Protein backbone atom coordinates (compact mmCIF):
# COMPACT_ATOMS: atom_id res chain seq x y z
CA MET A 1 -0.03 -0.07 -0.10
CA LEU A 2 1.11 3.84 -0.79
CA PRO A 3 1.82 5.76 2.46
CA LYS A 4 -0.48 8.62 3.15
CA GLU A 5 1.80 11.65 2.26
CA ARG A 6 1.04 14.74 4.78
CA GLY A 7 0.18 18.12 3.17
CA GLU A 8 -0.49 21.69 5.05
CA THR A 9 -4.00 21.76 5.79
CA GLY A 10 -4.22 24.98 7.91
CA GLN A 11 -7.21 23.75 10.07
CA GLY A 12 -7.01 24.22 13.70
CA ASP A 13 -7.86 22.31 16.75
CA ILE A 14 -9.51 23.45 20.04
CA PHE A 15 -7.63 20.81 22.00
CA ARG A 16 -3.96 20.89 20.82
CA SER A 17 -1.52 23.71 19.24
CA ARG A 18 -0.30 24.16 16.07
CA LEU A 19 3.31 23.92 15.65
CA ASP A 20 3.43 27.12 13.44
CA GLN A 21 2.03 29.03 16.70
CA ILE A 22 4.24 27.56 18.97
CA ILE A 23 7.74 27.82 17.48
CA ASP A 24 9.95 30.99 15.44
CA LEU A 25 8.99 30.25 11.89
CA THR A 26 12.42 32.19 11.22
CA HIS A 27 14.52 29.65 12.93
CA PRO A 28 17.05 27.96 10.53
CA LEU A 29 15.59 24.66 11.12
CA ALA A 30 12.10 25.80 10.08
CA LYS A 31 13.34 27.79 7.07
CA LEU A 32 15.06 24.48 6.18
CA ALA A 33 12.19 22.31 6.45
CA ARG A 34 10.37 25.10 3.79
CA THR A 35 13.29 25.12 1.68
CA ILE A 36 13.71 21.01 1.14
CA ASP A 37 11.40 19.91 -1.68
CA TRP A 38 9.80 17.16 -0.03
CA GLY A 39 7.46 16.17 -3.08
CA PHE A 40 10.81 15.23 -4.95
CA LEU A 41 11.77 13.18 -1.85
CA GLU A 42 8.29 11.29 -1.81
CA THR A 43 8.65 10.72 -5.80
CA SER A 44 11.90 9.20 -5.42
CA PHE A 45 11.09 7.04 -2.39
CA GLY A 46 7.50 6.18 -3.09
CA ALA A 47 8.47 4.30 -6.24
CA VAL A 48 9.44 1.20 -3.97
CA TYR A 49 6.04 0.99 -2.69
CA ALA A 50 3.61 -1.00 -4.18
CA ASP A 51 -0.61 -0.28 -4.50
CA VAL A 52 -1.77 -3.40 -2.93
CA PRO A 53 -4.00 -3.98 0.13
CA GLY A 54 -2.42 -3.72 3.66
CA ARG A 55 -1.27 -1.53 6.10
CA PRO A 56 -0.15 1.92 4.63
CA PRO A 57 3.84 2.51 5.58
CA LEU A 58 4.57 5.66 7.44
CA PRO A 59 4.41 9.19 5.55
CA THR A 60 8.01 9.84 3.43
CA ARG A 61 8.43 13.27 5.08
CA LEU A 62 8.15 11.94 8.47
CA MET A 63 10.96 9.07 7.87
CA ALA A 64 13.22 11.40 5.68
CA GLY A 65 13.14 14.00 8.18
CA VAL A 66 14.08 11.52 10.60
CA ALA A 67 16.74 10.24 8.92
CA ILE A 68 18.30 13.82 8.10
CA LEU A 69 18.17 15.00 11.64
CA LYS A 70 19.69 11.65 13.01
CA HIS A 71 22.71 11.77 10.68
CA MET A 72 22.72 16.03 10.66
CA HIS A 73 23.04 16.00 14.56
CA ASP A 74 24.99 12.64 15.58
CA LEU A 75 22.34 11.26 17.23
CA SER A 76 21.77 7.80 18.11
CA ASP A 77 18.04 6.38 17.20
CA GLU A 78 17.08 6.01 21.04
CA ALA A 79 18.35 9.62 21.45
CA LEU A 80 16.38 10.95 18.03
CA CYS A 81 13.11 9.01 19.74
CA ALA A 82 13.75 10.95 23.19
CA ARG A 83 14.53 14.59 21.36
CA TRP A 84 11.47 14.07 18.67
CA ILE A 85 9.05 14.07 21.50
CA GLU A 86 10.40 17.20 23.23
CA ASN A 87 11.29 19.52 20.34
CA PRO A 88 8.64 20.96 18.36
CA TYR A 89 11.43 22.28 15.47
CA TYR A 90 12.04 18.58 15.10
CA GLN A 91 8.44 17.61 14.69
CA TYR A 92 7.78 20.87 12.39
CA PHE A 93 10.73 19.40 10.58
CA CYS A 94 8.95 16.21 10.02
CA GLY A 95 5.68 17.43 8.63
CA GLU A 96 3.56 17.48 11.96
CA GLU A 97 1.01 20.34 12.13
CA PHE A 98 0.06 19.63 16.01
CA PHE A 99 2.70 19.16 18.74
CA GLN A 100 2.57 15.43 19.69
CA HIS A 101 3.25 14.20 22.96
CA ARG A 102 4.06 10.59 21.93
CA LEU A 103 5.93 9.10 19.35
CA VAL A 104 4.34 8.46 15.92
CA PHE A 105 6.71 5.83 14.86
CA ASP A 106 8.87 2.78 16.04
CA ARG A 107 12.42 3.04 16.85
CA SER A 108 12.49 -0.05 14.51
CA SER A 109 10.61 1.79 11.93
CA MET A 110 14.15 3.61 11.08
CA THR A 111 16.00 0.55 10.44
CA ARG A 112 13.34 -1.14 8.18
CA TRP A 113 12.97 2.23 6.30
CA ARG A 114 16.64 2.43 5.71
CA GLN A 115 16.94 -1.19 4.66
CA ARG A 116 13.70 -0.97 2.10
CA MET A 117 15.21 2.06 0.58
CA GLY A 118 18.40 0.67 0.01
CA GLU A 119 21.61 3.00 -1.44
CA GLU A 120 20.09 3.66 -4.59
CA ARG A 121 17.08 5.48 -3.22
CA LEU A 122 19.01 7.29 -0.57
CA VAL A 123 21.31 9.17 -3.12
CA ALA A 124 17.97 11.43 -3.20
CA LEU A 125 18.79 12.90 -0.19
CA VAL A 126 22.18 13.96 -1.31
CA GLN A 127 20.50 15.02 -4.73
CA GLU A 128 18.07 17.11 -2.52
CA SER A 129 21.03 18.80 -0.14
CA LEU A 130 22.52 19.94 -3.27
CA ALA A 131 19.38 21.32 -4.78
CA ALA A 132 18.40 23.34 -1.70
CA ALA A 133 21.91 24.39 -1.44
CA THR A 134 21.60 26.09 -5.16
CA ARG A 135 17.77 27.37 -4.37
CA THR A 136 19.12 29.17 -1.47
CA GLY A 137 22.48 30.69 -3.24
CA ALA A 138 24.62 28.70 -0.77
CA ALA A 139 26.00 27.02 -4.19
CA LYS A 140 25.64 27.28 -7.93
CA PRO A 141 25.53 24.70 -10.52
CA SER A 142 29.02 25.64 -11.84
CA ASP A 143 31.03 24.91 -8.41
CA PHE A 144 30.34 21.27 -9.12
CA ALA A 145 32.18 21.21 -12.47
CA ARG A 146 35.56 20.68 -10.64
CA ILE A 147 36.00 18.47 -7.94
CA ILE A 148 38.34 16.89 -5.50
CA VAL A 149 38.30 12.89 -4.86
CA ASP A 150 39.64 10.98 -2.29
CA THR A 151 39.15 7.91 -0.37
CA THR A 152 38.65 7.25 3.31
CA VAL A 153 37.74 4.35 5.80
CA GLN A 154 34.32 3.60 7.53
CA PRO A 155 34.94 1.96 10.70
CA LYS A 156 32.99 -0.83 11.71
CA ALA A 157 31.66 -1.03 15.11
CA ILE A 158 33.77 -4.03 16.29
CA ALA A 159 36.10 -4.78 18.76
CA PHE A 160 39.92 -5.22 18.05
CA PRO A 161 40.48 -8.37 16.21
CA THR A 162 42.82 -10.66 17.77
CA ASP A 163 43.12 -14.47 16.70
CA ALA A 164 42.48 -15.50 20.45
CA LYS A 165 39.59 -13.60 20.91
CA LEU A 166 38.18 -14.64 17.58
CA LEU A 167 38.68 -18.32 18.33
CA HIS A 168 37.13 -17.80 21.85
CA ARG A 169 34.19 -16.24 20.77
CA ALA A 170 33.43 -18.59 17.81
CA ARG A 171 33.27 -21.51 20.24
CA GLU A 172 30.90 -19.77 22.39
CA ARG A 173 28.32 -18.98 19.65
CA LEU A 174 28.80 -22.51 18.66
CA VAL A 175 28.00 -23.88 22.03
CA ARG A 176 25.05 -21.13 22.72
CA LEU A 177 23.54 -22.14 19.45
CA ALA A 178 23.57 -25.58 20.08
CA GLU A 179 22.07 -25.57 23.90
CA LYS A 180 19.28 -23.14 22.08
CA HIS A 181 18.44 -26.06 19.58
CA GLY A 182 18.79 -28.91 21.99
CA VAL A 183 22.02 -30.42 20.38
CA PRO A 184 23.78 -32.42 23.14
CA LEU A 185 27.99 -31.77 23.04
CA ARG A 186 30.57 -33.80 24.51
CA GLN A 187 32.00 -31.34 26.04
CA SER A 188 31.36 -27.34 25.83
CA TYR A 189 35.07 -26.37 26.82
CA LYS A 190 33.45 -23.43 28.62
CA ARG A 191 35.44 -23.50 31.59
CA VAL A 192 38.98 -24.49 30.32
CA GLY A 193 38.41 -22.33 27.03
CA LYS A 194 38.07 -19.08 29.26
CA PHE A 195 41.31 -19.85 31.03
CA ALA A 196 43.44 -20.58 27.92
CA LEU A 197 42.25 -16.92 26.86
CA ILE A 198 43.47 -15.50 29.77
CA LYS A 199 46.85 -17.51 29.50
CA HIS A 200 47.17 -16.20 26.20
CA GLN A 201 46.84 -12.58 27.24
CA ARG A 202 48.74 -12.79 29.81
CA TYR A 203 51.48 -14.56 28.21
CA ALA A 204 51.51 -12.06 25.20
CA HIS A 205 51.28 -9.40 27.64
CA ALA A 206 54.75 -10.59 29.37
CA LYS A 207 56.38 -11.01 25.78
CA GLN A 208 56.65 -15.05 26.40
CA PHE A 209 55.38 -15.81 23.09
CA LYS A 210 56.09 -19.23 22.89
CA ARG A 211 53.76 -19.82 25.69
CA ALA A 212 51.39 -17.35 24.16
CA ASN A 213 51.36 -19.61 20.70
CA ARG A 214 50.64 -22.69 22.98
CA ALA A 215 47.54 -21.10 24.26
CA LEU A 216 46.34 -20.08 21.16
CA ARG A 217 47.09 -23.60 19.51
CA THR A 218 44.66 -24.98 22.55
CA LEU A 219 42.10 -22.47 21.98
CA ARG A 220 41.82 -23.61 18.30
CA THR A 221 42.01 -27.54 19.39
CA TYR A 222 39.04 -26.56 21.42
CA LEU A 223 37.40 -24.76 18.23
CA GLY A 224 37.81 -27.81 16.25
CA ARG A 225 36.34 -30.19 18.55
CA VAL A 226 33.30 -28.43 19.19
CA ALA A 227 32.87 -27.47 15.01
CA ARG A 228 33.15 -31.09 14.52
CA ASP A 229 31.20 -32.52 17.21
CA ILE A 230 28.18 -30.67 15.97
CA ALA A 231 28.61 -31.19 12.25
CA ARG A 232 28.25 -34.95 13.13
CA LYS A 233 25.37 -34.41 15.08
CA THR A 234 23.59 -32.37 12.65
CA ASN A 235 24.27 -34.07 9.65
CA ASP A 236 21.24 -36.21 9.88
CA ASP A 237 18.86 -33.23 10.25
CA ALA A 238 18.18 -30.94 7.41
CA ARG A 239 16.65 -28.15 9.48
CA LEU A 240 19.67 -28.18 11.91
CA ARG A 241 22.22 -28.32 9.20
CA GLU A 242 20.64 -25.24 7.64
CA ILE A 243 20.71 -23.65 10.94
CA PHE A 244 24.54 -24.26 11.83
CA ALA A 245 25.76 -23.72 8.05
CA MET A 246 26.78 -20.18 8.34
CA PRO A 247 27.89 -20.60 12.05
CA LEU A 248 29.94 -23.59 11.32
CA SER A 249 31.29 -22.06 7.84
CA LEU A 250 32.78 -19.17 9.77
CA ALA A 251 34.11 -21.06 12.69
CA ARG A 252 36.32 -22.98 10.24
CA ARG A 253 37.47 -19.98 8.42
CA VAL A 254 38.71 -18.49 12.00
CA ARG A 255 40.35 -21.95 12.58
CA GLU A 256 42.21 -22.14 9.35
CA GLN A 257 42.94 -18.61 8.94
CA ARG A 258 46.53 -17.66 9.47
CA GLN A 259 48.47 -14.16 10.45
CA GLN A 260 50.15 -14.03 6.85
CA GLN A 261 47.84 -15.68 4.66
CA ARG A 262 46.52 -13.60 1.29
CA GLY A 263 42.98 -12.76 0.85
CA GLN A 264 39.86 -12.14 2.83
CA LYS A 265 40.00 -12.92 6.57
CA VAL A 266 37.33 -12.91 8.99
CA TYR A 267 37.66 -10.12 11.59
CA SER A 268 34.62 -10.12 12.98
CA LEU A 269 31.83 -13.27 13.77
CA HIS A 270 29.11 -10.71 13.67
CA ALA A 271 30.15 -8.56 10.95
CA PRO A 272 32.23 -10.87 8.57
CA GLU A 273 32.02 -8.24 5.53
CA VAL A 274 34.56 -6.14 7.62
CA GLU A 275 37.91 -5.72 5.60
CA CYS A 276 41.49 -4.54 6.76
CA ILE A 277 42.65 -1.41 5.02
CA GLY A 278 45.85 0.44 5.61
CA LYS A 279 45.94 4.10 4.90
CA GLY A 280 49.56 4.87 6.17
CA LYS A 281 48.90 6.38 8.96
CA VAL A 282 50.91 6.32 12.21
CA HIS A 283 48.53 6.59 14.88
CA ARG A 284 46.19 3.92 12.84
CA PRO A 285 48.07 1.72 10.72
CA TYR A 286 45.27 -0.52 10.17
CA GLU A 287 41.41 0.15 10.10
CA PHE A 288 38.64 -2.49 9.87
CA GLY A 289 35.62 -1.46 7.96
CA VAL A 290 34.90 -0.94 4.25
CA LYS A 291 36.59 2.06 1.95
CA VAL A 292 34.50 5.19 1.20
CA SER A 293 35.08 7.72 -1.69
CA ILE A 294 34.16 11.52 -1.28
CA ALA A 295 34.17 14.24 -3.96
CA THR A 296 33.89 17.91 -3.04
CA PRO A 297 33.93 20.95 -5.14
CA LEU A 298 37.57 22.12 -5.82
CA MET A 299 36.70 25.77 -4.97
CA ARG A 300 34.62 26.41 -1.89
CA CYS A 301 31.11 27.26 -2.31
CA LYS A 302 29.50 30.37 -0.25
CA GLY A 303 27.72 27.77 2.04
CA GLY A 304 30.87 25.65 2.56
CA GLN A 305 32.61 22.73 1.13
CA PHE A 306 29.52 20.54 0.41
CA VAL A 307 29.90 16.76 -0.41
CA ALA A 308 29.28 16.42 -3.89
CA HIS A 309 29.01 12.21 -3.74
CA VAL A 310 29.47 9.67 -1.42
CA LYS A 311 29.99 5.94 -1.79
CA ALA A 312 30.93 2.74 -0.37
CA LEU A 313 33.49 0.69 -2.00
CA PRO A 314 33.36 -2.88 -0.85
CA GLY A 315 36.56 -4.96 -1.60
CA ALA A 316 39.25 -2.34 -0.73
CA PRO A 317 39.56 -1.57 -4.61
CA TYR A 318 42.79 0.23 -5.57
CA ASP A 319 41.90 4.41 -5.44
CA GLY A 320 42.89 4.52 -9.28
CA HIS A 321 40.12 1.71 -10.03
CA THR A 322 37.37 3.46 -8.52
CA LEU A 323 36.85 6.17 -11.10
CA GLY A 324 35.37 3.94 -13.57
CA VAL A 325 32.17 3.83 -11.14
CA ILE A 326 32.32 6.99 -9.14
CA ILE A 327 32.79 9.85 -12.33
CA PRO A 328 29.53 8.35 -13.93
CA GLU A 329 27.64 8.57 -11.12
CA LEU A 330 28.50 11.67 -10.02
CA GLU A 331 27.79 13.41 -13.69
CA LYS A 332 24.37 11.69 -13.30
CA GLN A 333 23.58 12.73 -9.48
CA ILE A 334 24.67 16.39 -9.65
CA GLY A 335 23.76 16.96 -13.42
CA VAL A 336 26.91 18.62 -14.59
CA SER A 337 29.46 17.76 -16.87
CA LEU A 338 33.13 17.16 -15.29
CA ASP A 339 35.63 19.80 -16.23
CA ARG A 340 38.53 19.00 -14.00
CA ILE A 341 39.12 15.98 -11.01
CA ILE A 342 41.96 16.46 -9.02
CA ALA A 343 43.04 13.67 -6.94
CA ASP A 344 46.29 12.60 -4.90
CA ALA A 345 48.97 10.39 -5.83
CA GLY A 346 47.36 7.05 -5.00
CA TYR A 347 44.85 7.55 -8.41
CA ARG A 348 47.60 7.11 -10.40
CA GLY A 349 47.06 4.88 -13.20
CA HIS A 350 43.03 5.62 -12.74
CA ASN A 351 40.65 3.87 -15.36
CA ALA A 352 38.46 6.90 -15.57
CA PRO A 353 36.10 6.81 -18.42
CA PRO A 354 37.56 7.91 -21.96
CA ALA A 355 35.94 11.32 -21.88
CA CYS A 356 37.17 12.17 -18.51
CA LYS A 357 40.64 10.17 -19.24
CA PHE A 358 42.67 13.68 -19.79
CA LYS A 359 40.75 15.38 -17.01
CA VAL A 360 41.91 13.56 -14.31
CA TYR A 361 44.94 15.45 -12.44
CA THR A 362 46.98 13.63 -9.76
CA ALA A 363 49.72 14.84 -7.69
CA GLY A 364 53.20 14.86 -8.53
CA GLN A 365 52.03 14.91 -12.18
CA LYS A 366 54.56 16.80 -14.71
CA ARG A 367 52.72 16.56 -17.99
CA ARG A 368 49.78 18.88 -19.00
CA MET A 369 50.47 21.08 -16.15
CA THR A 370 49.69 24.48 -16.74
CA PRO A 371 50.50 27.45 -14.23
CA ALA A 372 46.27 27.70 -13.43
CA ILE A 373 46.38 23.88 -12.86
CA LYS A 374 49.27 24.06 -10.60
CA ARG A 375 47.36 26.62 -8.15
CA GLN A 376 44.40 24.19 -8.35
CA MET A 377 46.36 21.38 -6.92
CA ARG A 378 47.34 23.31 -3.89
CA ARG A 379 43.68 23.01 -3.28
CA ARG A 380 43.61 19.24 -3.51
CA SER A 381 44.00 18.98 0.42
CA ALA A 382 40.48 21.12 1.10
CA VAL A 383 39.11 17.46 0.96
CA GLU A 384 40.50 16.17 4.09
CA PRO A 385 38.86 18.63 6.83
CA VAL A 386 35.36 17.81 4.67
CA ILE A 387 36.29 14.09 5.45
CA GLY A 388 37.42 15.01 9.09
CA HIS A 389 34.19 16.61 9.80
CA VAL A 390 32.02 13.94 8.25
CA LYS A 391 33.35 11.08 10.22
CA ALA A 392 33.85 13.20 13.44
CA GLU A 393 30.17 14.66 13.52
CA HIS A 394 27.99 12.71 11.30
CA ARG A 395 28.36 9.19 12.22
CA MET A 396 30.68 8.14 9.82
CA ASP A 397 33.33 7.35 12.32
CA ARG A 398 31.64 4.08 13.71
CA ASN A 399 29.03 2.15 11.78
CA HIS A 400 26.40 0.61 13.32
CA LEU A 401 24.27 -0.80 10.38
CA VAL A 402 24.50 -4.18 9.61
CA GLY A 403 25.84 -5.90 6.48
CA ARG A 404 27.13 -4.39 3.28
CA HIS A 405 23.76 -2.66 2.53
CA GLY A 406 24.27 -0.81 6.09
CA ASP A 407 28.01 0.31 5.03
CA ALA A 408 26.42 1.91 1.97
CA ALA A 409 23.29 3.52 3.69
CA ASN A 410 25.59 5.07 6.54
CA ALA A 411 27.99 6.69 4.04
CA ILE A 412 25.40 8.16 2.22
CA LEU A 413 23.26 9.32 5.25
CA ALA A 414 26.49 10.87 6.63
CA GLY A 415 27.36 13.22 3.40
CA ALA A 416 23.77 13.96 3.37
CA GLY A 417 23.77 14.97 6.90
CA TYR A 418 26.94 17.03 6.45
CA ASN A 419 25.39 18.55 3.77
CA PHE A 420 22.39 19.59 5.45
CA SER A 421 24.18 21.01 8.56
CA LEU A 422 26.24 23.62 6.32
CA LEU A 423 22.82 24.57 4.78
CA LEU A 424 21.39 25.12 8.42
CA ARG A 425 24.64 27.19 8.97
CA TRP A 426 23.95 29.05 6.12
CA LEU A 427 20.42 29.92 6.73
CA GLY A 428 21.20 30.90 10.22
CA ASP A 429 23.85 33.31 8.97
CA LEU A 430 21.96 34.65 6.18
CA LEU A 431 18.85 35.32 8.73
CA ARG A 432 21.74 37.12 10.80
CA GLN A 433 22.85 39.18 8.11
CA ILE A 434 19.51 40.49 7.15
CA LEU A 435 18.86 41.39 10.71
CA GLY A 436 21.80 43.20 11.26
CA ALA A 437 21.31 45.33 8.42
CA LEU A 438 17.96 45.99 9.36
CA LEU A 439 18.89 47.07 12.95
CA GLU A 440 21.75 48.69 12.35
CA PRO A 441 21.42 52.41 13.92
CA THR A 442 21.61 55.04 11.26
CA ASN A 443 23.84 58.06 11.71
CA PRO A 444 22.46 61.47 10.80
CA ASN A 445 25.86 63.07 10.50
CA ARG A 446 27.15 60.51 7.78
CA VAL A 447 27.70 61.94 4.46
CA TYR A 448 26.92 59.97 1.42
CA ALA A 449 28.51 60.35 -1.93
CA SER A 450 26.36 62.25 -4.69
CA ALA A 451 25.09 60.16 -7.39
């Protein structure tokens, strides 16, 4: 069934107060609510629904507004629900006409909405943020003809992986699942497995690595015994084989992987899609998550350094090999043909489309470098503070959404939240400038130049 979209009715209620009579309509959040083209978002997100009998979904403006507020103000789902009830500006932003004393949506509704929209639909939030910036004068379409591209890591919300903890955790998950489904085990190794983990950690801390490796082999043996015991006792039951297929597969991968092996490893049992990425940082040699590409205009717009494009790149591809996907998506998303792409030295040997092959300039390049391009190359580092703000203030620094689709959704929502926060500040500064000009005291002794 299609969602029942909300519209401004203008009707009053003697028992409830209208929000436009409570709040200050010149507040930046109220102005942003009137600036966003909610009809475009309703059309983009409404395409996933079918007009069939059933319970109607929640209004698109409500769910899209909640998603924007969450990443614009760096709030968890729980904190957003608590703040939405007590903040009339949040309710007005989400399309409410009257002040609500109870939540009109469930916390889990946000999760289901994100999963239902997917990466392809959520891009509309970034598109609308750039369109709103153009309508308010915070940016011009020509600002996005020249861009800077860079990659970063979106870390996953996992504990730092070690072989000992992974082996111990894999055995614990198998034992707990066997107890839940009534599979009798020959031995669970709960007590001795915990002692072996403690021994390994203490020996490793004391730099007694031979004894630490002996304790690690003990943990690997315990996991192998439990996995083989469960495989034997579930072999004749198709239902149990299906239940234990994924946990046993992960346990075998954890048991067989070694430190120096090449290829994909398991770094977390609840998030097996996590990858280990080294960006050459001294304070953080390795990060565990997914690589994300971020593009921003070369020259700063009036409203700030907006995010023109953001995309999660699973598989940790080489930076230069991402341009073949990013450039067509970027041109389609912003509706502007790119004139110049500035990148760092990691993009050498790129696979940009043939039409943009000679529009890409990398750090350290010698050929085709005119004085004007050399001056523009000094702006390449302007993308770094954008990455820092998106990660520190808009929930990209630690992704809690599950799966690869969660990685993609969180990256897009973080970029959209960053753009809308710039718009919020732009609207507030614009209001202050107008009020300052109106309230400026006039000087009667001021001499004006003759026409």
